[in-house]
Amino acid sequence: MKKLLTIMLALALSLGMTACGKDSGDYKPADVQAMAEAGAFSETLEELDTDTAFSALYRLESYGLAREDLKDCAVLRSAGATCEEGAVLVLDSEAHAKDAQKALEDYVQGQIDANEDYGYRLAEVPKLKDAYIDVKGSTVLMVVANDLEAAKKAVDGEP
């Protein structure tokens, strides 16, 4: 009986600790897929490879970053119907994460300018203006979503 009580107590404690949601650590590449699964995006987004994200999309080298500074990333992006996008960039230092944050902020502003200037996807501009960009440790999260709250909850580990 004592053994059963000990096992039940250990189980209750472990369940209690996992129920608290995600820890306050860095963002993880898996967070991008979690946002998609949570219904944050209005369409199915396409996965983008690390090299394309680094050079062609976010132009991180223009912000003093070298390709080897980007240790890992996950990017889901619209094929063109919307401006929706989710990205987690894992860098080798907090200083490089701040540089990447600036690059992503400028990237989103460029998207806003392009969509407003050319009248292209004007309905997407509010999503871009509400883009969420945040740094935790050496990681950067960027979200442009139809349901930003669902994205944030997914990243925080909330149901």
Protein backbone atom coordinates (compact mmCIF):
# COMPACT_ATOMS: atom_id res chain seq x y z
CA MET A 1 0.00 0.00 0.00
CA LYS A 2 2.82 2.37 0.89
CA LYS A 3 4.53 1.62 -2.42
CA LEU A 4 1.32 2.30 -4.37
CA LEU A 5 0.84 5.59 -2.54
CA THR A 6 4.43 6.62 -3.36
CA ILE A 7 3.94 5.82 -7.06
CA MET A 8 0.65 7.72 -7.17
CA LEU A 9 2.23 10.74 -5.48
CA ALA A 10 5.16 10.70 -7.93
CA LEU A 11 2.76 10.48 -10.85
CA ALA A 12 0.65 13.35 -9.52
CA LEU A 13 3.74 15.52 -9.06
CA SER A 14 5.03 14.82 -12.56
CA LEU A 15 1.61 15.52 -14.10
CA GLY A 16 1.37 18.74 -12.10
CA MET A 17 4.73 19.91 -13.39
CA THR A 18 3.91 19.15 -17.04
CA ALA A 19 0.50 20.82 -16.79
CA CYS A 20 2.14 24.17 -16.24
CA GLY A 21 2.89 24.42 -19.96
CA LYS A 22 6.10 25.35 -21.67
CA ASP A 23 9.02 26.53 -19.62
CA SER A 24 10.35 30.03 -20.05
CA GLY A 25 13.33 28.81 -22.11
CA ASP A 26 14.27 29.65 -25.64
CA TYR A 27 11.94 29.18 -28.60
CA LYS A 28 12.24 25.86 -30.41
CA PRO A 29 11.95 25.06 -34.12
CA ALA A 30 9.07 22.71 -33.22
CA ASP A 31 7.09 25.78 -32.10
CA VAL A 32 6.51 26.66 -35.76
CA GLN A 33 4.71 23.38 -36.44
CA ALA A 34 2.80 23.73 -33.17
CA MET A 35 1.44 27.09 -34.37
CA ALA A 36 0.30 25.52 -37.64
CA GLU A 37 -1.37 22.63 -35.82
CA ALA A 38 -3.13 25.11 -33.52
CA GLY A 39 -4.87 26.70 -36.51
CA ALA A 40 -3.02 30.02 -36.33
CA PHE A 41 -2.72 30.23 -40.11
CA SER A 42 -5.57 30.50 -42.61
CA GLU A 43 -3.87 28.26 -45.16
CA THR A 44 -1.35 25.43 -45.29
CA LEU A 45 2.10 27.00 -45.29
CA GLU A 46 5.17 25.68 -47.08
CA GLU A 47 8.40 24.77 -45.35
CA LEU A 48 11.46 26.81 -46.29
CA ASP A 49 15.01 25.49 -45.98
CA THR A 50 17.60 27.15 -43.74
CA ASP A 51 19.87 28.44 -46.50
CA THR A 52 17.01 30.11 -48.36
CA ALA A 53 15.70 31.65 -45.14
CA PHE A 54 19.15 32.95 -44.23
CA SER A 55 20.11 34.49 -47.57
CA ALA A 56 17.20 35.01 -49.92
CA LEU A 57 14.35 35.72 -47.53
CA TYR A 58 15.65 37.41 -44.40
CA ARG A 59 19.04 38.55 -45.80
CA LEU A 60 20.71 37.97 -42.46
CA GLU A 61 24.18 38.53 -43.91
CA SER A 62 23.20 42.19 -44.38
CA TYR A 63 22.93 42.41 -40.58
CA GLY A 64 26.45 41.14 -39.93
CA LEU A 65 25.54 37.49 -39.51
CA ALA A 66 27.41 34.60 -41.10
CA ARG A 67 25.63 31.42 -42.17
CA GLU A 68 27.36 29.46 -39.39
CA ASP A 69 25.82 31.85 -36.81
CA LEU A 70 22.41 30.36 -37.63
CA LYS A 71 22.48 26.98 -35.88
CA ASP A 72 18.95 25.87 -36.71
CA CYS A 73 15.66 27.25 -37.92
CA ALA A 74 12.15 26.36 -38.92
CA VAL A 75 10.21 28.53 -41.35
CA LEU A 76 6.69 28.02 -42.66
CA ARG A 77 5.54 30.54 -45.21
CA SER A 78 2.64 31.21 -47.55
CA ALA A 79 3.14 30.32 -51.19
CA GLY A 80 1.71 33.73 -52.06
CA ALA A 81 -1.99 33.81 -51.26
CA THR A 82 -1.38 35.49 -47.89
CA CYS A 83 1.49 37.10 -46.00
CA GLU A 84 1.27 34.55 -43.22
CA GLU A 85 4.50 33.15 -41.89
CA GLY A 86 6.02 31.55 -38.83
CA ALA A 87 9.72 31.30 -38.07
CA VAL A 88 12.04 30.33 -35.26
CA LEU A 89 15.71 31.14 -35.74
CA VAL A 90 18.25 29.55 -33.40
CA LEU A 91 21.48 31.52 -33.30
CA ASP A 92 24.80 30.95 -31.60
CA SER A 93 24.53 33.94 -29.24
CA GLU A 94 22.11 36.43 -27.74
CA ALA A 95 23.87 39.26 -29.62
CA HIS A 96 23.30 37.49 -32.94
CA ALA A 97 19.66 36.89 -31.97
CA LYS A 98 19.24 40.65 -31.52
CA ASP A 99 20.77 41.20 -34.99
CA ALA A 100 18.35 38.65 -36.45
CA GLN A 101 15.45 40.36 -34.66
CA LYS A 102 16.33 43.62 -36.41
CA ALA A 103 16.52 41.79 -39.75
CA LEU A 104 13.05 40.29 -39.20
CA GLU A 105 11.59 43.63 -38.15
CA ASP A 106 12.96 45.22 -41.33
CA TYR A 107 11.73 42.26 -43.39
CA VAL A 108 8.17 42.70 -42.07
CA GLN A 109 8.31 46.45 -42.66
CA GLY A 110 9.44 45.77 -46.23
CA GLN A 111 6.44 43.47 -46.67
CA ILE A 112 4.12 46.17 -45.35
CA ASP A 113 5.62 48.78 -47.68
CA ALA A 114 5.45 46.50 -50.73
CA ASN A 115 1.84 45.52 -50.09
CA GLU A 116 0.74 49.12 -49.47
CA ASP A 117 2.74 50.68 -52.32
CA TYR A 118 1.60 48.25 -54.97
CA GLY A 119 -1.91 47.65 -53.68
CA TYR A 120 -1.11 43.97 -53.56
CA ARG A 121 -2.80 41.93 -50.86
CA LEU A 122 -4.02 45.01 -48.99
CA ALA A 123 -6.15 42.79 -46.76
CA GLU A 124 -2.91 41.24 -45.46
CA VAL A 125 -1.41 44.52 -44.23
CA PRO A 126 -3.15 44.41 -40.81
CA LYS A 127 -1.64 40.96 -40.17
CA LEU A 128 1.79 42.33 -41.05
CA LYS A 129 1.32 45.34 -38.79
CA ASP A 130 0.39 42.98 -35.95
CA ALA A 131 3.39 40.71 -36.57
CA TYR A 132 4.86 39.29 -33.39
CA ILE A 133 8.66 39.25 -33.19
CA ASP A 134 10.34 38.26 -29.94
CA VAL A 135 13.74 37.16 -28.68
CA LYS A 136 14.36 34.64 -25.91
CA GLY A 137 18.00 33.92 -25.24
CA SER A 138 19.64 33.08 -28.54
CA THR A 139 16.36 32.41 -30.39
CA VAL A 140 14.01 34.61 -32.37
CA LEU A 141 10.32 34.00 -33.05
CA MET A 142 8.39 35.73 -35.81
CA VAL A 143 4.69 35.21 -36.46
CA VAL A 144 2.42 36.76 -39.06
CA ALA A 145 -0.84 34.90 -38.59
CA ASN A 146 -4.55 34.99 -39.12
CA ASP A 147 -5.00 34.03 -35.46
CA LEU A 148 -2.07 35.50 -33.56
CA GLU A 149 -3.48 34.49 -30.18
CA ALA A 150 -3.66 30.83 -31.25
CA ALA A 151 -0.03 31.08 -32.36
CA LYS A 152 1.07 32.56 -29.04
CA LYS A 153 -0.84 29.93 -27.07
CA ALA A 154 0.76 27.16 -29.12
CA VAL A 155 4.23 28.52 -28.45
CA ASP A 156 3.44 28.86 -24.75
CA GLY A 157 2.22 25.25 -24.67
CA GLU A 158 -1.39 26.14 -23.97
CA PRO A 159 -4.23 24.05 -25.43
